[in-house]
């Protein structure tokens, strides 16, 4: 299983944004949607061995939300950012009427959640890596590609509080390369690296 936790920072948690302004009024929900799409979409199928949890903080802690996408159950997820953003927006809007977990569409589960607690819970998984610029090379990661867990951020840097939790957890900082890339590009590279390892049974040759 491949598990990812995406930390977001500026998305209106009530879903009060228009699909015509995903980058601005949507708090970069455009890139968050691309991450979700890239996490699961293949040429003619979806990755069924992947799960993605997205946490949405709010000014009022009671309004913070978590959306979990489960590859084995997902339906209606397309490669384009607009339709994926619409799925996320619908989940956020509907979640305000539900105090507990519910499935807003197949494989997309939304609930009220404390983002910091969600991060702490995720970091209890074995061998979690922290995808961040300046980390050690992903190619040198020696873990099992069939059981991979990683934390990454939306286009905004992690908060001081998030950094403290991540640093205290001992999560290994890992980078996919020397250049600053979009979160969705990082997701693509990570999947490609893990696909190669699973296909060959060993890490690619360095260099």
N, C-alpha and C. Protein backbone atom coordinates (compact mmCIF):
# COMPACT_ATOMS: atom_id res chain seq x y z
N UNK A 1 0.84 -1.20 0.00
CA UNK A 1 0.00 0.00 0.00
C UNK A 1 0.88 1.25 0.00
N UNK A 2 0.51 2.23 -0.80
CA UNK A 2 1.18 3.53 -0.81
C UNK A 2 0.23 4.54 -0.18
N UNK A 3 0.71 5.19 0.86
CA UNK A 3 -0.12 6.14 1.59
C UNK A 3 0.53 7.52 1.59
N UNK A 4 -0.26 8.54 1.34
CA UNK A 4 0.23 9.91 1.32
C UNK A 4 -0.67 10.78 2.20
N UNK A 5 -0.04 11.75 2.86
CA UNK A 5 -0.78 12.77 3.60
C UNK A 5 -0.39 14.12 3.03
N UNK A 6 -1.38 14.87 2.56
CA UNK A 6 -1.14 16.18 1.97
C UNK A 6 -1.62 17.26 2.92
N UNK A 7 -0.69 18.14 3.32
CA UNK A 7 -1.01 19.26 4.20
C UNK A 7 -1.40 20.46 3.35
N UNK A 8 -2.61 20.99 3.54
CA UNK A 8 -3.02 22.20 2.84
C UNK A 8 -3.08 23.35 3.83
N UNK A 9 -3.17 24.58 3.30
CA UNK A 9 -3.04 25.73 4.19
C UNK A 9 -4.03 26.87 3.94
N UNK A 10 -4.56 27.02 2.76
CA UNK A 10 -5.38 28.21 2.47
C UNK A 10 -6.70 27.92 1.78
N UNK A 11 -7.08 26.68 1.67
CA UNK A 11 -8.35 26.36 1.01
C UNK A 11 -9.52 26.76 1.91
N UNK A 12 -10.51 27.49 1.39
CA UNK A 12 -11.71 27.78 2.18
C UNK A 12 -12.42 26.48 2.56
N UNK A 13 -12.42 26.18 3.85
CA UNK A 13 -12.80 24.84 4.28
C UNK A 13 -14.29 24.57 4.11
N UNK A 14 -15.10 25.61 3.94
CA UNK A 14 -16.53 25.41 3.68
C UNK A 14 -16.79 25.12 2.20
N UNK A 15 -15.74 25.12 1.40
CA UNK A 15 -15.93 24.92 -0.04
C UNK A 15 -16.43 26.16 -0.73
N UNK A 16 -16.26 27.32 -0.10
CA UNK A 16 -16.77 28.57 -0.67
C UNK A 16 -15.77 29.17 -1.65
N UNK A 17 -15.61 28.47 -2.76
CA UNK A 17 -14.77 28.98 -3.84
C UNK A 17 -15.41 28.56 -5.15
N UNK A 18 -15.09 29.30 -6.19
CA UNK A 18 -15.65 28.99 -7.50
C UNK A 18 -14.66 28.16 -8.31
N UNK A 19 -15.18 27.29 -9.13
CA UNK A 19 -14.33 26.48 -9.99
C UNK A 19 -13.66 27.29 -11.07
N UNK A 20 -14.04 28.56 -11.20
CA UNK A 20 -13.39 29.46 -12.16
C UNK A 20 -12.21 30.21 -11.54
N UNK A 21 -11.95 30.00 -10.26
CA UNK A 21 -10.83 30.68 -9.59
C UNK A 21 -10.20 29.73 -8.58
N UNK A 22 -9.70 28.61 -9.07
CA UNK A 22 -9.15 27.58 -8.20
C UNK A 22 -7.84 28.01 -7.56
N UNK A 23 -7.02 28.74 -8.30
CA UNK A 23 -5.71 29.11 -7.77
C UNK A 23 -5.80 30.25 -6.77
N UNK A 24 -6.66 31.22 -7.03
CA UNK A 24 -6.77 32.39 -6.16
C UNK A 24 -7.72 32.16 -5.00
N UNK A 25 -9.01 32.34 -5.27
CA UNK A 25 -10.02 32.19 -4.23
C UNK A 25 -10.09 30.78 -3.67
N UNK A 26 -9.62 29.80 -4.44
CA UNK A 26 -9.62 28.42 -3.97
C UNK A 26 -8.42 28.05 -3.12
N UNK A 27 -7.52 28.99 -2.89
CA UNK A 27 -6.37 28.72 -2.03
C UNK A 27 -5.44 27.65 -2.59
N UNK A 28 -5.29 27.64 -3.93
CA UNK A 28 -4.47 26.66 -4.66
C UNK A 28 -5.07 25.26 -4.65
N UNK A 29 -6.40 25.23 -4.62
CA UNK A 29 -7.07 23.93 -4.76
C UNK A 29 -6.79 23.33 -6.13
N UNK A 30 -6.34 24.16 -7.09
CA UNK A 30 -5.97 23.64 -8.41
C UNK A 30 -4.83 22.64 -8.29
N UNK A 31 -3.78 23.01 -7.53
CA UNK A 31 -2.64 22.10 -7.37
C UNK A 31 -2.99 20.93 -6.46
N UNK A 32 -3.82 21.17 -5.47
CA UNK A 32 -4.26 20.07 -4.61
C UNK A 32 -5.04 19.05 -5.43
N UNK A 33 -5.89 19.52 -6.34
CA UNK A 33 -6.63 18.61 -7.21
C UNK A 33 -5.68 17.85 -8.13
N UNK A 34 -4.63 18.53 -8.62
CA UNK A 34 -3.66 17.83 -9.46
C UNK A 34 -2.92 16.75 -8.67
N UNK A 35 -2.61 17.03 -7.41
CA UNK A 35 -1.98 16.01 -6.57
C UNK A 35 -2.89 14.79 -6.45
N UNK A 36 -4.17 15.04 -6.17
CA UNK A 36 -5.12 13.93 -6.02
C UNK A 36 -5.23 13.13 -7.30
N UNK A 37 -5.34 13.82 -8.42
CA UNK A 37 -5.46 13.14 -9.70
C UNK A 37 -4.20 12.33 -10.01
N UNK A 38 -3.04 12.97 -9.81
CA UNK A 38 -1.77 12.30 -10.10
C UNK A 38 -1.54 11.11 -9.18
N UNK A 39 -2.03 11.19 -7.96
CA UNK A 39 -1.84 10.09 -7.01
C UNK A 39 -2.50 8.81 -7.50
N UNK A 40 -3.57 8.93 -8.29
CA UNK A 40 -4.36 7.74 -8.62
C UNK A 40 -4.46 7.41 -10.10
N UNK A 41 -4.43 8.38 -10.99
CA UNK A 41 -4.75 8.09 -12.38
C UNK A 41 -3.59 7.45 -13.13
N UNK A 42 -3.92 6.39 -13.86
CA UNK A 42 -3.03 5.76 -14.83
C UNK A 42 -3.61 6.02 -16.22
N UNK A 43 -3.01 5.45 -17.24
CA UNK A 43 -3.49 5.71 -18.59
C UNK A 43 -4.94 5.29 -18.78
N UNK A 44 -5.28 4.09 -18.31
CA UNK A 44 -6.64 3.59 -18.50
C UNK A 44 -7.23 2.99 -17.23
N UNK A 45 -6.72 3.40 -16.07
CA UNK A 45 -7.19 2.82 -14.82
C UNK A 45 -6.79 3.75 -13.68
N UNK A 46 -7.10 3.32 -12.46
CA UNK A 46 -6.67 4.03 -11.27
C UNK A 46 -5.75 3.13 -10.46
N UNK A 47 -4.87 3.75 -9.69
CA UNK A 47 -4.01 3.00 -8.78
C UNK A 47 -4.86 2.55 -7.59
N UNK A 48 -5.07 1.26 -7.49
CA UNK A 48 -5.93 0.73 -6.43
C UNK A 48 -5.16 0.47 -5.14
N UNK A 49 -3.83 0.56 -5.21
CA UNK A 49 -2.99 0.30 -4.04
C UNK A 49 -2.57 1.59 -3.33
N UNK A 50 -3.29 2.68 -3.57
CA UNK A 50 -2.89 3.99 -3.05
C UNK A 50 -4.02 4.61 -2.23
N UNK A 51 -3.64 5.31 -1.17
CA UNK A 51 -4.57 6.12 -0.39
C UNK A 51 -3.96 7.51 -0.19
N UNK A 52 -4.79 8.52 -0.25
CA UNK A 52 -4.36 9.90 -0.05
C UNK A 52 -5.28 10.57 0.97
N UNK A 53 -4.70 11.10 2.03
CA UNK A 53 -5.45 11.88 3.01
C UNK A 53 -5.07 13.35 2.86
N UNK A 54 -6.07 14.21 2.74
CA UNK A 54 -5.85 15.65 2.61
C UNK A 54 -6.44 16.32 3.83
N UNK A 55 -5.67 17.14 4.52
CA UNK A 55 -6.18 17.83 5.70
C UNK A 55 -6.33 19.32 5.39
N UNK A 56 -7.45 19.86 5.87
CA UNK A 56 -7.80 21.26 5.61
C UNK A 56 -7.97 21.97 6.95
N UNK A 57 -7.02 22.82 7.35
CA UNK A 57 -7.16 23.56 8.61
C UNK A 57 -8.22 24.66 8.47
N UNK A 58 -8.66 25.17 9.60
CA UNK A 58 -9.66 26.24 9.61
C UNK A 58 -9.39 27.15 10.79
N UNK A 59 -9.88 28.40 10.70
CA UNK A 59 -9.71 29.34 11.80
C UNK A 59 -10.35 28.81 13.06
N UNK A 60 -11.50 28.16 12.91
CA UNK A 60 -12.16 27.50 14.03
C UNK A 60 -11.83 26.01 13.96
N UNK A 61 -11.16 25.44 14.98
CA UNK A 61 -10.76 24.04 14.94
C UNK A 61 -11.91 23.08 14.63
N UNK A 62 -13.10 23.42 15.08
CA UNK A 62 -14.24 22.52 14.86
C UNK A 62 -14.61 22.42 13.38
N UNK A 63 -14.15 23.37 12.57
CA UNK A 63 -14.50 23.37 11.15
C UNK A 63 -13.43 22.72 10.28
N UNK A 64 -12.30 22.37 10.85
CA UNK A 64 -11.25 21.71 10.07
C UNK A 64 -11.75 20.37 9.54
N UNK A 65 -11.25 19.99 8.37
CA UNK A 65 -11.74 18.78 7.72
C UNK A 65 -10.59 17.91 7.22
N UNK A 66 -10.93 16.64 7.03
CA UNK A 66 -10.03 15.66 6.43
C UNK A 66 -10.79 14.96 5.31
N UNK A 67 -10.16 14.83 4.16
CA UNK A 67 -10.72 14.04 3.07
C UNK A 67 -9.76 12.90 2.78
N UNK A 68 -10.29 11.69 2.79
CA UNK A 68 -9.45 10.52 2.51
C UNK A 68 -9.95 9.87 1.22
N UNK A 69 -9.03 9.70 0.28
CA UNK A 69 -9.34 9.05 -1.00
C UNK A 69 -8.74 7.66 -0.98
N UNK A 70 -9.57 6.66 -1.22
CA UNK A 70 -9.18 5.26 -1.12
C UNK A 70 -9.21 4.64 -2.52
N UNK A 71 -8.05 4.31 -3.03
CA UNK A 71 -7.94 3.85 -4.41
C UNK A 71 -8.78 2.64 -4.73
N UNK A 72 -8.92 1.72 -3.78
CA UNK A 72 -9.66 0.49 -4.05
C UNK A 72 -11.15 0.73 -4.23
N UNK A 73 -11.63 1.90 -3.82
CA UNK A 73 -13.06 2.20 -3.89
C UNK A 73 -13.39 3.39 -4.80
N UNK A 74 -12.38 4.09 -5.27
CA UNK A 74 -12.61 5.35 -6.00
C UNK A 74 -13.39 5.15 -7.30
N UNK A 75 -14.29 6.11 -7.53
CA UNK A 75 -14.99 6.24 -8.81
C UNK A 75 -15.04 7.74 -9.16
N UNK A 76 -15.28 8.04 -10.39
CA UNK A 76 -15.54 9.42 -10.85
C UNK A 76 -14.31 10.33 -10.72
N UNK A 77 -13.11 9.78 -10.60
CA UNK A 77 -11.92 10.62 -10.54
C UNK A 77 -11.30 10.67 -11.92
N UNK A 78 -11.18 11.88 -12.45
CA UNK A 78 -10.65 12.09 -13.80
C UNK A 78 -9.32 12.83 -13.75
N UNK A 79 -8.56 12.83 -14.85
CA UNK A 79 -7.25 13.48 -14.82
C UNK A 79 -7.28 15.00 -14.74
N UNK A 80 -8.41 15.63 -15.09
CA UNK A 80 -8.40 17.09 -15.13
C UNK A 80 -8.64 17.69 -13.75
N UNK A 81 -8.00 18.82 -13.51
CA UNK A 81 -8.05 19.43 -12.18
C UNK A 81 -9.43 19.98 -11.84
N UNK A 82 -10.18 20.45 -12.83
CA UNK A 82 -11.47 21.08 -12.54
C UNK A 82 -12.47 20.08 -11.97
N UNK A 83 -12.58 18.91 -12.60
CA UNK A 83 -13.55 17.92 -12.10
C UNK A 83 -13.11 17.37 -10.75
N UNK A 84 -11.79 17.22 -10.54
CA UNK A 84 -11.31 16.75 -9.25
C UNK A 84 -11.55 17.80 -8.18
N UNK A 85 -11.31 19.06 -8.51
CA UNK A 85 -11.60 20.14 -7.56
C UNK A 85 -13.09 20.17 -7.22
N UNK A 86 -13.94 19.87 -8.19
CA UNK A 86 -15.38 19.83 -7.94
C UNK A 86 -15.73 18.72 -6.95
N UNK A 87 -15.08 17.55 -7.07
CA UNK A 87 -15.31 16.47 -6.11
C UNK A 87 -14.92 16.90 -4.69
N UNK A 88 -13.76 17.56 -4.57
CA UNK A 88 -13.29 18.00 -3.26
C UNK A 88 -14.20 19.09 -2.70
N UNK A 89 -14.59 20.02 -3.55
CA UNK A 89 -15.48 21.10 -3.13
C UNK A 89 -16.82 20.54 -2.63
N UNK A 90 -17.38 19.60 -3.37
CA UNK A 90 -18.64 18.99 -2.98
C UNK A 90 -18.51 18.31 -1.62
N UNK A 91 -17.38 17.62 -1.41
CA UNK A 91 -17.17 16.94 -0.13
C UNK A 91 -17.10 17.93 1.02
N UNK A 92 -16.39 19.04 0.83
CA UNK A 92 -16.27 20.05 1.88
C UNK A 92 -17.62 20.70 2.18
N UNK A 93 -18.36 21.05 1.14
CA UNK A 93 -19.67 21.69 1.33
C UNK A 93 -20.61 20.76 2.09
N UNK A 94 -20.70 19.51 1.67
CA UNK A 94 -21.62 18.57 2.30
C UNK A 94 -21.20 18.20 3.71
N UNK A 95 -19.89 18.23 3.97
CA UNK A 95 -19.40 17.79 5.28
C UNK A 95 -19.86 18.68 6.41
N UNK A 96 -20.21 19.93 6.12
CA UNK A 96 -20.61 20.84 7.17
C UNK A 96 -21.92 20.40 7.84
N UNK A 97 -22.66 19.53 7.18
CA UNK A 97 -23.92 19.03 7.76
C UNK A 97 -23.75 17.68 8.45
N UNK A 98 -22.52 17.13 8.42
CA UNK A 98 -22.30 15.80 8.99
C UNK A 98 -21.21 15.87 10.05
N UNK A 99 -21.47 15.41 11.28
CA UNK A 99 -20.47 15.45 12.34
C UNK A 99 -19.46 14.31 12.28
N UNK A 100 -19.74 13.27 11.51
CA UNK A 100 -18.86 12.11 11.48
C UNK A 100 -18.53 11.74 10.03
N UNK A 101 -17.70 10.71 9.87
CA UNK A 101 -17.27 10.30 8.54
C UNK A 101 -18.47 9.98 7.64
N UNK A 102 -18.39 10.43 6.40
CA UNK A 102 -19.36 9.95 5.41
C UNK A 102 -18.68 9.96 4.05
N UNK A 103 -19.23 9.16 3.15
CA UNK A 103 -18.66 9.02 1.81
C UNK A 103 -19.42 9.93 0.86
N UNK A 104 -18.78 11.02 0.46
CA UNK A 104 -19.47 11.98 -0.40
C UNK A 104 -19.57 11.49 -1.83
N UNK A 105 -18.66 10.63 -2.24
CA UNK A 105 -18.72 9.91 -3.51
C UNK A 105 -17.90 8.64 -3.31
N UNK A 106 -18.06 7.63 -4.15
CA UNK A 106 -17.37 6.37 -3.90
C UNK A 106 -15.86 6.54 -3.71
N UNK A 107 -15.37 6.09 -2.55
CA UNK A 107 -13.95 6.15 -2.26
C UNK A 107 -13.44 7.47 -1.76
N UNK A 108 -14.34 8.44 -1.54
CA UNK A 108 -13.94 9.76 -1.06
C UNK A 108 -14.68 10.02 0.25
N UNK A 109 -13.93 9.93 1.36
CA UNK A 109 -14.51 9.96 2.70
C UNK A 109 -14.08 11.25 3.39
N UNK A 110 -15.04 11.98 3.92
CA UNK A 110 -14.77 13.28 4.53
C UNK A 110 -15.27 13.29 5.96
N UNK A 111 -14.56 14.02 6.82
CA UNK A 111 -14.95 14.10 8.23
C UNK A 111 -14.30 15.31 8.87
N UNK A 112 -14.88 15.75 9.99
CA UNK A 112 -14.22 16.74 10.82
C UNK A 112 -12.96 16.11 11.39
N UNK A 113 -11.90 16.89 11.52
CA UNK A 113 -10.63 16.34 11.99
C UNK A 113 -9.72 17.46 12.46
N UNK A 114 -8.86 17.13 13.41
CA UNK A 114 -7.81 18.03 13.87
C UNK A 114 -6.59 17.79 12.98
N UNK A 115 -6.18 18.76 12.15
CA UNK A 115 -5.07 18.52 11.22
C UNK A 115 -3.78 18.06 11.90
N UNK A 116 -3.46 18.64 13.06
CA UNK A 116 -2.23 18.25 13.75
C UNK A 116 -2.33 16.81 14.24
N UNK A 117 -3.49 16.42 14.76
CA UNK A 117 -3.67 15.05 15.21
C UNK A 117 -3.65 14.08 14.04
N UNK A 118 -4.20 14.50 12.91
CA UNK A 118 -4.13 13.65 11.72
C UNK A 118 -2.68 13.44 11.31
N UNK A 119 -1.89 14.50 11.38
CA UNK A 119 -0.47 14.39 11.04
C UNK A 119 0.23 13.45 12.02
N UNK A 120 -0.01 13.64 13.31
CA UNK A 120 0.63 12.78 14.31
C UNK A 120 0.24 11.32 14.11
N UNK A 121 -1.03 11.08 13.81
CA UNK A 121 -1.50 9.71 13.61
C UNK A 121 -0.82 9.08 12.39
N UNK A 122 -0.73 9.85 11.34
CA UNK A 122 -0.09 9.34 10.11
C UNK A 122 1.37 9.02 10.37
N UNK A 123 2.04 9.85 11.15
CA UNK A 123 3.46 9.66 11.42
C UNK A 123 3.75 8.44 12.28
N UNK A 124 2.73 7.81 12.81
CA UNK A 124 2.92 6.58 13.55
C UNK A 124 3.08 5.36 12.64
N UNK A 125 2.80 5.54 11.35
CA UNK A 125 3.05 4.46 10.40
C UNK A 125 4.55 4.19 10.34
N UNK A 126 4.96 2.98 10.03
CA UNK A 126 6.40 2.69 9.98
C UNK A 126 7.08 3.34 8.78
N UNK A 127 8.29 3.82 9.00
CA UNK A 127 9.16 4.30 7.91
C UNK A 127 8.54 5.41 7.07
N UNK A 128 7.88 6.37 7.72
CA UNK A 128 7.29 7.49 6.98
C UNK A 128 8.40 8.43 6.52
N UNK A 129 8.29 8.92 5.29
CA UNK A 129 9.23 9.94 4.81
C UNK A 129 8.50 11.27 4.69
N UNK A 130 9.29 12.33 4.76
CA UNK A 130 8.79 13.70 4.63
C UNK A 130 9.33 14.26 3.34
N UNK A 131 8.47 14.43 2.34
CA UNK A 131 8.88 14.93 1.04
C UNK A 131 9.04 16.44 1.10
N UNK A 132 10.29 16.90 1.05
CA UNK A 132 10.59 18.32 1.22
C UNK A 132 11.88 18.66 0.49
N UNK A 133 11.96 19.88 -0.03
CA UNK A 133 13.19 20.32 -0.67
C UNK A 133 14.34 20.28 0.35
N UNK A 134 15.49 19.84 -0.10
CA UNK A 134 16.64 19.79 0.78
C UNK A 134 16.80 18.49 1.53
N UNK A 135 15.86 17.56 1.36
CA UNK A 135 15.98 16.26 2.00
C UNK A 135 16.99 15.38 1.29
N UNK A 136 17.22 14.21 1.82
CA UNK A 136 18.11 13.26 1.17
C UNK A 136 17.48 12.71 -0.10
N UNK A 137 18.27 12.21 -1.04
CA UNK A 137 17.74 11.72 -2.32
C UNK A 137 16.78 10.54 -2.14
N UNK A 138 15.66 10.60 -2.82
CA UNK A 138 14.71 9.49 -2.79
C UNK A 138 15.37 8.20 -3.27
N UNK A 139 16.29 8.31 -4.21
CA UNK A 139 16.96 7.13 -4.76
C UNK A 139 17.75 6.37 -3.70
N UNK A 140 18.10 7.05 -2.61
CA UNK A 140 18.87 6.40 -1.56
C UNK A 140 17.98 5.82 -0.46
N UNK A 141 16.67 6.02 -0.59
CA UNK A 141 15.75 5.45 0.39
C UNK A 141 15.73 3.94 0.24
N UNK A 142 15.89 3.23 1.35
CA UNK A 142 16.06 1.77 1.30
C UNK A 142 14.83 0.99 1.75
N UNK A 143 13.70 1.66 1.91
CA UNK A 143 12.51 0.98 2.42
C UNK A 143 11.84 0.09 1.40
N UNK A 144 10.74 -0.53 1.83
CA UNK A 144 9.96 -1.43 0.99
C UNK A 144 9.00 -0.63 0.12
N UNK A 145 9.13 -0.66 -1.20
CA UNK A 145 8.24 0.14 -2.05
C UNK A 145 6.78 -0.28 -1.98
N UNK A 146 6.52 -1.50 -1.49
CA UNK A 146 5.14 -1.98 -1.37
C UNK A 146 4.45 -1.43 -0.13
N UNK A 147 5.24 -0.85 0.80
CA UNK A 147 4.68 -0.24 2.01
C UNK A 147 5.33 1.12 2.19
N UNK A 148 4.84 2.10 1.46
CA UNK A 148 5.44 3.43 1.42
C UNK A 148 4.46 4.45 1.98
N UNK A 149 4.93 5.31 2.87
CA UNK A 149 4.09 6.37 3.43
C UNK A 149 4.87 7.68 3.38
N UNK A 150 4.22 8.76 2.98
CA UNK A 150 4.92 10.04 2.84
C UNK A 150 4.00 11.21 3.14
N UNK A 151 4.59 12.26 3.70
CA UNK A 151 3.92 13.53 3.96
C UNK A 151 4.44 14.55 2.97
N UNK A 152 3.55 15.33 2.37
CA UNK A 152 3.94 16.43 1.49
C UNK A 152 2.99 17.59 1.68
N UNK A 153 3.39 18.74 1.16
CA UNK A 153 2.60 19.97 1.32
C UNK A 153 2.02 20.43 0.00
N UNK A 154 1.00 21.29 0.10
CA UNK A 154 0.49 22.02 -1.05
C UNK A 154 1.56 23.04 -1.45
N UNK A 155 1.28 24.00 -2.33
CA UNK A 155 2.32 24.93 -2.75
C UNK A 155 2.89 25.83 -1.64
N UNK A 156 2.29 25.81 -0.46
CA UNK A 156 2.79 26.64 0.63
C UNK A 156 3.66 25.82 1.58
N UNK A 157 4.63 26.47 2.19
CA UNK A 157 5.54 25.80 3.11
C UNK A 157 4.79 25.29 4.34
N UNK A 158 5.30 24.23 4.97
CA UNK A 158 4.68 23.78 6.22
C UNK A 158 4.78 24.85 7.29
N UNK A 159 3.81 24.90 8.18
CA UNK A 159 3.84 25.86 9.28
C UNK A 159 4.92 25.45 10.28
N UNK A 160 5.25 26.38 11.18
CA UNK A 160 6.23 26.06 12.22
C UNK A 160 5.75 24.88 13.06
N UNK A 161 4.45 24.85 13.36
CA UNK A 161 3.90 23.75 14.14
C UNK A 161 4.03 22.42 13.42
N UNK A 162 3.75 22.42 12.11
CA UNK A 162 3.88 21.19 11.32
C UNK A 162 5.33 20.73 11.27
N UNK A 163 6.24 21.68 11.10
CA UNK A 163 7.67 21.33 11.08
C UNK A 163 8.10 20.71 12.41
N UNK A 164 7.61 21.27 13.51
CA UNK A 164 7.98 20.74 14.82
C UNK A 164 7.50 19.30 14.99
N UNK A 165 6.25 19.04 14.59
CA UNK A 165 5.71 17.68 14.70
C UNK A 165 6.49 16.71 13.81
N UNK A 166 6.79 17.14 12.59
CA UNK A 166 7.52 16.28 11.67
C UNK A 166 8.94 16.01 12.17
N UNK A 167 9.61 17.05 12.65
CA UNK A 167 10.97 16.87 13.14
C UNK A 167 11.00 15.96 14.36
N UNK A 168 10.04 16.14 15.26
CA UNK A 168 10.00 15.33 16.48
C UNK A 168 9.68 13.87 16.18
N UNK A 169 9.00 13.61 15.07
CA UNK A 169 8.59 12.24 14.74
C UNK A 169 9.74 11.38 14.25
N UNK A 170 10.79 12.03 13.77
CA UNK A 170 11.90 11.27 13.19
C UNK A 170 11.65 10.88 11.74
N UNK A 171 10.58 11.42 11.12
CA UNK A 171 10.33 11.13 9.71
C UNK A 171 11.52 11.56 8.87
N UNK A 172 11.94 10.71 7.95
CA UNK A 172 13.12 10.96 7.14
C UNK A 172 12.82 12.01 6.07
N UNK A 173 13.53 13.17 6.08
CA UNK A 173 13.33 14.16 5.02
C UNK A 173 13.89 13.63 3.69
N UNK A 174 13.07 13.64 2.67
CA UNK A 174 13.46 13.07 1.37
C UNK A 174 13.10 14.06 0.27
N UNK A 175 13.97 14.18 -0.73
CA UNK A 175 13.74 15.04 -1.87
C UNK A 175 13.80 14.23 -3.15
N UNK A 176 13.03 14.64 -4.16
CA UNK A 176 13.04 13.91 -5.43
C UNK A 176 14.06 14.47 -6.41
N UNK A 177 14.71 15.59 -6.06
CA UNK A 177 15.70 16.16 -6.97
C UNK A 177 16.14 17.54 -6.55
N UNK A 178 17.06 18.13 -7.28
CA UNK A 178 17.65 19.41 -6.88
C UNK A 178 16.80 20.64 -7.21
N UNK A 179 15.75 20.48 -7.99
CA UNK A 179 14.94 21.63 -8.39
C UNK A 179 13.63 21.69 -7.62
N UNK A 180 13.12 22.92 -7.49
CA UNK A 180 11.82 23.11 -6.84
C UNK A 180 10.71 22.70 -7.81
N UNK A 181 9.91 21.73 -7.41
CA UNK A 181 8.86 21.21 -8.28
C UNK A 181 7.49 21.40 -7.63
N UNK A 182 6.45 21.32 -8.45
CA UNK A 182 5.10 21.34 -7.92
C UNK A 182 4.82 20.04 -7.18
N UNK A 183 3.90 20.10 -6.25
CA UNK A 183 3.56 18.92 -5.45
C UNK A 183 3.09 17.77 -6.34
N UNK A 184 2.33 18.08 -7.38
CA UNK A 184 1.84 17.03 -8.27
C UNK A 184 2.98 16.39 -9.04
N UNK A 185 4.00 17.17 -9.40
CA UNK A 185 5.16 16.60 -10.07
C UNK A 185 5.92 15.66 -9.12
N UNK A 186 6.03 16.07 -7.86
CA UNK A 186 6.67 15.22 -6.86
C UNK A 186 5.93 13.89 -6.76
N UNK A 187 4.61 13.95 -6.74
CA UNK A 187 3.81 12.73 -6.67
C UNK A 187 4.10 11.81 -7.84
N UNK A 188 4.20 12.36 -9.04
CA UNK A 188 4.48 11.57 -10.23
C UNK A 188 5.85 10.89 -10.13
N UNK A 189 6.84 11.64 -9.68
CA UNK A 189 8.20 11.09 -9.59
C UNK A 189 8.26 9.99 -8.54
N UNK A 190 7.60 10.19 -7.41
CA UNK A 190 7.59 9.17 -6.36
C UNK A 190 6.96 7.88 -6.88
N UNK A 191 5.82 7.99 -7.53
CA UNK A 191 5.18 6.79 -8.06
C UNK A 191 6.08 6.10 -9.08
N UNK A 192 6.71 6.88 -9.94
CA UNK A 192 7.60 6.28 -10.94
C UNK A 192 8.75 5.53 -10.29
N UNK A 193 9.35 6.14 -9.27
CA UNK A 193 10.45 5.48 -8.56
C UNK A 193 9.98 4.17 -7.92
N UNK A 194 8.84 4.20 -7.27
CA UNK A 194 8.33 2.99 -6.62
C UNK A 194 7.92 1.94 -7.65
N UNK A 195 7.34 2.38 -8.77
CA UNK A 195 6.98 1.44 -9.83
C UNK A 195 8.22 0.71 -10.35
N UNK A 196 9.31 1.47 -10.56
CA UNK A 196 10.54 0.86 -11.05
C UNK A 196 11.10 -0.14 -10.06
N UNK A 197 11.05 0.20 -8.79
CA UNK A 197 11.58 -0.71 -7.78
C UNK A 197 10.75 -1.99 -7.70
N UNK A 198 9.43 -1.84 -7.79
CA UNK A 198 8.58 -3.03 -7.74
C UNK A 198 8.77 -3.90 -8.97
N UNK A 199 9.03 -3.27 -10.12
CA UNK A 199 9.20 -4.01 -11.36
C UNK A 199 10.52 -4.77 -11.40
N UNK A 200 11.56 -4.16 -10.83
CA UNK A 200 12.89 -4.77 -10.89
C UNK A 200 13.27 -5.52 -9.62
N UNK A 201 12.57 -5.22 -8.55
CA UNK A 201 12.89 -5.85 -7.27
C UNK A 201 14.03 -5.21 -6.53
N UNK A 202 14.52 -4.07 -7.06
CA UNK A 202 15.61 -3.36 -6.39
C UNK A 202 15.61 -1.89 -6.81
N UNK A 203 16.26 -1.01 -6.03
CA UNK A 203 16.32 0.41 -6.40
C UNK A 203 17.05 0.59 -7.72
N UNK A 204 16.69 1.63 -8.51
CA UNK A 204 17.43 1.90 -9.72
C UNK A 204 18.89 2.23 -9.42
N UNK A 205 19.75 2.02 -10.38
CA UNK A 205 21.16 2.35 -10.20
C UNK A 205 21.33 3.85 -10.04
N UNK A 206 22.12 4.26 -9.08
CA UNK A 206 22.34 5.69 -8.85
C UNK A 206 23.14 6.27 -10.00
N UNK A 207 22.93 7.60 -10.21
CA UNK A 207 23.67 8.27 -11.24
C UNK A 207 22.78 8.88 -12.27
